[in-house]
Amino acid sequence: MNIRIVRVHLNKMGNHKKKFTDYSKFLKAGVAMGKYQKIHNIIRKDYMELINVTEKHKSEKKEFDSLYRACLKGLFSIIEADIFGLNNLDEYENYSDRDSFKKKFKSTFKQVCKTWNKTELQEKYFDEKYRELKELKKKRDELIHPKKVEHLYEASASEFEILKTVFNDYDLFINNLMKDFYICVDMNSMDILD
């Protein structure tokens, strides 16, 4: 993911920018972008390694089951960290970390994609990919708060492939969102000498 904080001529940035008129808010947004990027990249790297280790243990039932369950939980660690980080950058109206996952997910990406002129990307993901993510979220919730033995999901090759597909779809969505993703400050509105 490439997130850039730049000071260039606004016309060179295209339509994918959030423009600030307050320099202190611009700096705060730059810090928020940096934190978001760092957290996302660390968790993503760990998650991709977990996927690779799980792949290598598919023939060992006990290990495969445990690793699959870890993958199911880990996927939502990435997503929930992204939601939090993006709301620090461009908070949706009445944001609360206590909102339901569905509300936070949909509201966050609608807000961010609206601000950065990427609503088509958001709509396409929601229309084509969100249902599968929602189904995995239900499984993750059952795994985290099991009420039945069946909620401690056993791995299967097909379920693992679904999980990898959902991750890859989300990963592609986030990477496309972050392409040409800028913040800028209107230098004309700043009183630098004060």
C-alpha atoms as a PDB file:
ATOM      1  CA  MET A   1       0.000   0.000   0.000  1.00  0.00           C
ATOM      2  CA  ASN A   2       1.406   3.395  -0.924  1.00  0.00           C
ATOM      3  CA  ILE A   3       0.119   6.293   1.106  1.00  0.00           C
ATOM      4  CA  ARG A   4       1.818   9.556   0.322  1.00  0.00           C
ATOM      5  CA  ILE A   5       1.817  12.887   2.064  1.00  0.00           C
ATOM      6  CA  VAL A   6       2.943  15.391  -0.482  1.00  0.00           C
ATOM      7  CA  ARG A   7       3.049  19.092  -1.125  1.00  0.00           C
ATOM      8  CA  VAL A   8       2.719  19.441  -4.874  1.00  0.00           C
ATOM      9  CA  HIS A   9       0.596  21.454  -7.199  1.00  0.00           C
ATOM     10  CA  LEU A  10      -3.020  20.357  -6.640  1.00  0.00           C
ATOM     11  CA  ASN A  11      -3.677  19.724 -10.327  1.00  0.00           C
ATOM     12  CA  LYS A  12      -1.030  16.985 -10.339  1.00  0.00           C
ATOM     13  CA  MET A  13      -2.956  15.023  -7.691  1.00  0.00           C
ATOM     14  CA  GLY A  14      -6.069  14.471  -9.731  1.00  0.00           C
ATOM     15  CA  ASN A  15      -9.374  13.989  -7.946  1.00  0.00           C
ATOM     16  CA  HIS A  16      -8.219  11.646  -5.182  1.00  0.00           C
ATOM     17  CA  LYS A  17      -7.289  14.019  -2.390  1.00  0.00           C
ATOM     18  CA  LYS A  18      -8.601  15.484   0.809  1.00  0.00           C
ATOM     19  CA  LYS A  19      -7.833  19.168   0.957  1.00  0.00           C
ATOM     20  CA  PHE A  20      -7.289  20.939   4.259  1.00  0.00           C
ATOM     21  CA  THR A  21      -7.398  24.664   4.858  1.00  0.00           C
ATOM     22  CA  ASP A  22      -6.094  24.340   8.418  1.00  0.00           C
ATOM     23  CA  TYR A  23      -2.405  23.450   8.594  1.00  0.00           C
ATOM     24  CA  SER A  24      -2.658  21.837  12.052  1.00  0.00           C
ATOM     25  CA  LYS A  25      -5.478  19.562  10.834  1.00  0.00           C
ATOM     26  CA  PHE A  26      -3.370  18.689   7.801  1.00  0.00           C
ATOM     27  CA  LEU A  27      -0.455  17.702  10.055  1.00  0.00           C
ATOM     28  CA  LYS A  28      -2.768  15.677  12.294  1.00  0.00           C
ATOM     29  CA  ALA A  29      -4.107  13.867   9.216  1.00  0.00           C
ATOM     30  CA  GLY A  30      -0.540  13.148   8.097  1.00  0.00           C
ATOM     31  CA  VAL A  31       0.221  11.526  11.439  1.00  0.00           C
ATOM     32  CA  ALA A  32      -3.034   9.530  11.259  1.00  0.00           C
ATOM     33  CA  MET A  33      -2.137   8.320   7.751  1.00  0.00           C
ATOM     34  CA  GLY A  34       1.311   7.268   8.876  1.00  0.00           C
ATOM     35  CA  LYS A  35      -0.022   5.323  11.874  1.00  0.00           C
ATOM     36  CA  TYR A  36      -2.739   3.702   9.792  1.00  0.00           C
ATOM     37  CA  GLN A  37      -0.266   2.618   7.118  1.00  0.00           C
ATOM     38  CA  LYS A  38       2.228   1.211   9.616  1.00  0.00           C
ATOM     39  CA  ILE A  39      -0.378  -0.763  11.567  1.00  0.00           C
ATOM     40  CA  HIS A  40      -2.035  -2.068   8.403  1.00  0.00           C
ATOM     41  CA  ASN A  41       1.243  -3.180   6.860  1.00  0.00           C
ATOM     42  CA  ILE A  42       2.446  -5.013   9.994  1.00  0.00           C
ATOM     43  CA  ILE A  43      -0.833  -6.877  10.477  1.00  0.00           C
ATOM     44  CA  ARG A  44      -1.107  -7.629   6.741  1.00  0.00           C
ATOM     45  CA  LYS A  45       2.403  -9.075   6.631  1.00  0.00           C
ATOM     46  CA  ASP A  46       1.686 -11.247   9.682  1.00  0.00           C
ATOM     47  CA  TYR A  47      -1.603 -12.381   8.183  1.00  0.00           C
ATOM     48  CA  MET A  48      -0.045 -13.339   4.879  1.00  0.00           C
ATOM     49  CA  GLU A  49       2.558 -15.393   6.757  1.00  0.00           C
ATOM     50  CA  LEU A  50      -0.246 -17.073   8.730  1.00  0.00           C
ATOM     51  CA  ILE A  51      -1.962 -17.961   5.447  1.00  0.00           C
ATOM     52  CA  ASN A  52       1.307 -19.476   4.148  1.00  0.00           C
ATOM     53  CA  VAL A  53       1.870 -21.517   7.327  1.00  0.00           C
ATOM     54  CA  THR A  54      -1.732 -22.723   7.237  1.00  0.00           C
ATOM     55  CA  GLU A  55      -1.316 -23.765   3.613  1.00  0.00           C
ATOM     56  CA  LYS A  56       1.708 -25.872   4.569  1.00  0.00           C
ATOM     57  CA  HIS A  57      -0.258 -27.704   7.294  1.00  0.00           C
ATOM     58  CA  LYS A  58      -3.344 -28.617   5.281  1.00  0.00           C
ATOM     59  CA  SER A  59      -2.525 -32.320   5.512  1.00  0.00           C
ATOM     60  CA  GLU A  60      -2.218 -32.251   9.325  1.00  0.00           C
ATOM     61  CA  LYS A  61      -5.795 -32.118  10.636  1.00  0.00           C
ATOM     62  CA  LYS A  62      -5.152 -30.779  14.158  1.00  0.00           C
ATOM     63  CA  GLU A  63      -2.743 -28.059  13.017  1.00  0.00           C
ATOM     64  CA  PHE A  64      -4.887 -27.152  10.009  1.00  0.00           C
ATOM     65  CA  ASP A  65      -7.975 -26.707  12.205  1.00  0.00           C
ATOM     66  CA  SER A  66      -6.127 -24.469  14.672  1.00  0.00           C
ATOM     67  CA  LEU A  67      -4.454 -22.414  11.981  1.00  0.00           C
ATOM     68  CA  TYR A  68      -7.684 -22.020  10.018  1.00  0.00           C
ATOM     69  CA  ARG A  69      -9.411 -20.668  13.127  1.00  0.00           C
ATOM     70  CA  ALA A  70      -6.497 -18.262  13.663  1.00  0.00           C
ATOM     71  CA  CYS A  71      -6.853 -17.112  10.036  1.00  0.00           C
ATOM     72  CA  LEU A  72     -10.563 -16.540  10.511  1.00  0.00           C
ATOM     73  CA  LYS A  73      -9.904 -14.355  13.559  1.00  0.00           C
ATOM     74  CA  GLY A  74      -6.902 -12.624  12.002  1.00  0.00           C
ATOM     75  CA  LEU A  75      -8.768 -11.455   8.921  1.00  0.00           C
ATOM     76  CA  PHE A  76     -10.999  -9.280  11.061  1.00  0.00           C
ATOM     77  CA  SER A  77      -8.038  -7.894  12.997  1.00  0.00           C
ATOM     78  CA  ILE A  78      -6.845  -6.328   9.751  1.00  0.00           C
ATOM     79  CA  ILE A  79     -10.284  -5.018   8.821  1.00  0.00           C
ATOM     80  CA  GLU A  80     -11.067  -3.612  12.261  1.00  0.00           C
ATOM     81  CA  ALA A  81      -7.658  -1.910  12.421  1.00  0.00           C
ATOM     82  CA  ASP A  82      -8.330  -0.402   8.982  1.00  0.00           C
ATOM     83  CA  ILE A  83     -11.735   0.864  10.085  1.00  0.00           C
ATOM     84  CA  PHE A  84     -10.254   2.516  13.158  1.00  0.00           C
ATOM     85  CA  GLY A  85      -7.320   3.997  11.249  1.00  0.00           C
ATOM     86  CA  LEU A  86      -9.429   5.367   8.422  1.00  0.00           C
ATOM     87  CA  ASN A  87     -11.854   6.964  10.867  1.00  0.00           C
ATOM     88  CA  ASN A  88      -8.929   8.762  12.485  1.00  0.00           C
ATOM     89  CA  LEU A  89      -8.252  10.171   9.037  1.00  0.00           C
ATOM     90  CA  ASP A  90     -11.789  10.861   7.803  1.00  0.00           C
ATOM     91  CA  GLU A  91     -14.423  10.086  10.404  1.00  0.00           C
ATOM     92  CA  TYR A  92     -17.971   9.326   9.322  1.00  0.00           C
ATOM     93  CA  GLU A  93     -20.753  11.273  11.015  1.00  0.00           C
ATOM     94  CA  ASN A  94     -21.453  10.115  14.575  1.00  0.00           C
ATOM     95  CA  TYR A  95     -18.686   7.508  14.423  1.00  0.00           C
ATOM     96  CA  SER A  96     -18.405   5.325  17.480  1.00  0.00           C
ATOM     97  CA  ASP A  97     -16.051   2.415  17.956  1.00  0.00           C
ATOM     98  CA  ARG A  98     -19.036   0.731  19.635  1.00  0.00           C
ATOM     99  CA  ASP A  99     -21.092   0.743  16.425  1.00  0.00           C
ATOM    100  CA  SER A 100     -21.809  -2.660  14.895  1.00  0.00           C
ATOM    101  CA  PHE A 101     -19.203  -4.062  12.546  1.00  0.00           C
ATOM    102  CA  LYS A 102     -21.599  -3.712   9.616  1.00  0.00           C
ATOM    103  CA  LYS A 103     -22.300  -0.040  10.357  1.00  0.00           C
ATOM    104  CA  LYS A 104     -18.622   0.780  10.903  1.00  0.00           C
ATOM    105  CA  PHE A 105     -17.499  -1.110   7.795  1.00  0.00           C
ATOM    106  CA  LYS A 106     -20.093   0.341   5.444  1.00  0.00           C
ATOM    107  CA  SER A 107     -20.046   3.872   6.867  1.00  0.00           C
ATOM    108  CA  THR A 108     -16.256   4.063   6.979  1.00  0.00           C
ATOM    109  CA  PHE A 109     -15.702   3.004   3.406  1.00  0.00           C
ATOM    110  CA  LYS A 110     -18.601   5.085   2.096  1.00  0.00           C
ATOM    111  CA  GLN A 111     -17.151   8.148   3.834  1.00  0.00           C
ATOM    112  CA  VAL A 112     -13.559   7.586   2.765  1.00  0.00           C
ATOM    113  CA  CYS A 113     -14.477   6.693  -0.811  1.00  0.00           C
ATOM    114  CA  LYS A 114     -16.735   9.744  -1.042  1.00  0.00           C
ATOM    115  CA  THR A 115     -13.997  12.061   0.247  1.00  0.00           C
ATOM    116  CA  TRP A 116     -11.356  10.645  -2.103  1.00  0.00           C
ATOM    117  CA  ASN A 117     -13.725  10.335  -5.112  1.00  0.00           C
ATOM    118  CA  LYS A 118     -13.640   6.538  -5.205  1.00  0.00           C
ATOM    119  CA  THR A 119     -17.320   5.724  -4.746  1.00  0.00           C
ATOM    120  CA  GLU A 120     -17.347   3.399  -7.761  1.00  0.00           C
ATOM    121  CA  LEU A 121     -14.689   1.246  -6.104  1.00  0.00           C
ATOM    122  CA  GLN A 122     -16.691   1.106  -2.865  1.00  0.00           C
ATOM    123  CA  GLU A 123     -19.966   0.325  -4.629  1.00  0.00           C
ATOM    124  CA  LYS A 124     -18.374  -2.461  -6.671  1.00  0.00           C
ATOM    125  CA  TYR A 125     -16.840  -4.074  -3.580  1.00  0.00           C
ATOM    126  CA  PHE A 126     -20.096  -3.818  -1.618  1.00  0.00           C
ATOM    127  CA  ASP A 127     -22.140  -5.209  -4.531  1.00  0.00           C
ATOM    128  CA  GLU A 128     -19.782  -8.043  -5.466  1.00  0.00           C
ATOM    129  CA  LYS A 129     -17.733  -8.986  -2.398  1.00  0.00           C
ATOM    130  CA  TYR A 130     -19.365  -7.827   0.850  1.00  0.00           C
ATOM    131  CA  ARG A 131     -21.761 -10.781   1.164  1.00  0.00           C
ATOM    132  CA  GLU A 132     -18.890 -13.284   1.434  1.00  0.00           C
ATOM    133  CA  LEU A 133     -17.133 -11.088   3.990  1.00  0.00           C
ATOM    134  CA  LYS A 134     -20.344 -10.859   6.016  1.00  0.00           C
ATOM    135  CA  GLU A 135     -20.686 -14.658   6.035  1.00  0.00           C
ATOM    136  CA  LEU A 136     -17.130 -15.041   7.338  1.00  0.00           C
ATOM    137  CA  LYS A 137     -17.809 -12.366   9.971  1.00  0.00           C
ATOM    138  CA  LYS A 138     -20.693 -14.462  11.275  1.00  0.00           C
ATOM    139  CA  LYS A 139     -18.395 -17.482  11.534  1.00  0.00           C
ATOM    140  CA  ARG A 140     -15.722 -15.393  13.241  1.00  0.00           C
ATOM    141  CA  ASP A 141     -18.255 -14.143  15.791  1.00  0.00           C
ATOM    142  CA  GLU A 142     -19.422 -17.692  16.513  1.00  0.00           C
ATOM    143  CA  LEU A 143     -15.803 -18.767  16.922  1.00  0.00           C
ATOM    144  CA  ILE A 144     -15.002 -15.899  19.290  1.00  0.00           C
ATOM    145  CA  HIS A 145     -18.181 -16.472  21.335  1.00  0.00           C
ATOM    146  CA  PRO A 146     -18.947 -20.195  20.837  1.00  0.00           C
ATOM    147  CA  LYS A 147     -22.332 -21.404  22.029  1.00  0.00           C
ATOM    148  CA  LYS A 148     -22.045 -24.829  20.379  1.00  0.00           C
ATOM    149  CA  VAL A 149     -19.206 -27.215  19.582  1.00  0.00           C
ATOM    150  CA  GLU A 150     -19.968 -26.626  15.881  1.00  0.00           C
ATOM    151  CA  HIS A 151     -18.886 -22.991  16.331  1.00  0.00           C
ATOM    152  CA  LEU A 152     -15.311 -24.227  16.781  1.00  0.00           C
ATOM    153  CA  TYR A 153     -15.031 -24.649  13.052  1.00  0.00           C
ATOM    154  CA  GLU A 154     -13.015 -27.468  11.608  1.00  0.00           C
ATOM    155  CA  ALA A 155     -11.001 -26.587   8.561  1.00  0.00           C
ATOM    156  CA  SER A 156     -11.647 -27.881   5.095  1.00  0.00           C
ATOM    157  CA  ALA A 157      -9.754 -27.142   1.922  1.00  0.00           C
ATOM    158  CA  SER A 158     -12.832 -25.466   0.421  1.00  0.00           C
ATOM    159  CA  GLU A 159     -13.489 -23.270   3.491  1.00  0.00           C
ATOM    160  CA  PHE A 160      -9.833 -22.249   3.556  1.00  0.00           C
ATOM    161  CA  GLU A 161     -10.017 -21.301  -0.134  1.00  0.00           C
ATOM    162  CA  ILE A 162     -13.084 -19.156   0.591  1.00  0.00           C
ATOM    163  CA  LEU A 163     -11.233 -17.425   3.414  1.00  0.00           C
ATOM    164  CA  LYS A 164      -8.225 -16.748   1.175  1.00  0.00           C
ATOM    165  CA  THR A 165     -10.486 -15.411  -1.578  1.00  0.00           C
ATOM    166  CA  VAL A 166     -12.257 -13.054   0.832  1.00  0.00           C
ATOM    167  CA  PHE A 167      -8.898 -11.818   2.107  1.00  0.00           C
ATOM    168  CA  ASN A 168      -7.534 -11.336  -1.417  1.00  0.00           C
ATOM    169  CA  ASP A 169     -10.679  -9.443  -2.462  1.00  0.00           C
ATOM    170  CA  TYR A 170     -10.452  -7.175   0.585  1.00  0.00           C
ATOM    171  CA  ASP A 171      -6.704  -6.708   0.114  1.00  0.00           C
ATOM    172  CA  LEU A 172      -7.244  -5.689  -3.517  1.00  0.00           C
ATOM    173  CA  PHE A 173     -10.017  -3.289  -2.467  1.00  0.00           C
ATOM    174  CA  ILE A 174      -7.769  -1.601   0.107  1.00  0.00           C
ATOM    175  CA  ASN A 175      -4.810  -1.427  -2.265  1.00  0.00           C
ATOM    176  CA  ASN A 176      -6.973   0.142  -4.980  1.00  0.00           C
ATOM    177  CA  LEU A 177      -8.393   2.584  -2.447  1.00  0.00           C
ATOM    178  CA  MET A 178      -4.900   3.658  -1.421  1.00  0.00           C
ATOM    179  CA  LYS A 179      -3.644   4.213  -4.979  1.00  0.00           C
ATOM    180  CA  ASP A 180      -3.527   7.934  -5.757  1.00  0.00           C
ATOM    181  CA  PHE A 181      -4.667   8.685  -2.205  1.00  0.00           C
ATOM    182  CA  TYR A 182      -3.474  12.116  -1.093  1.00  0.00           C
ATOM    183  CA  ILE A 183      -3.963  14.739   1.514  1.00  0.00           C
ATOM    184  CA  CYS A 184      -3.026  18.325   0.818  1.00  0.00           C
ATOM    185  CA  VAL A 185      -3.189  21.747   2.363  1.00  0.00           C
ATOM    186  CA  ASP A 186      -4.275  24.928   0.669  1.00  0.00           C
ATOM    187  CA  MET A 187      -1.185  27.074   1.117  1.00  0.00           C
ATOM    188  CA  ASN A 188      -3.141  30.203   0.192  1.00  0.00           C
ATOM    189  CA  SER A 189      -5.347  29.816   3.255  1.00  0.00           C
ATOM    190  CA  MET A 190      -2.434  29.546   5.683  1.00  0.00           C
ATOM    191  CA  ASP A 191      -0.977  32.473   7.469  1.00  0.00           C
ATOM    192  CA  ILE A 192       2.577  31.142   7.706  1.00  0.00           C
ATOM    193  CA  LEU A 193       3.988  34.274   9.328  1.00  0.00           C
ATOM    194  CA  ASP A 194       1.778  34.073  12.443  1.00  0.00           C
END
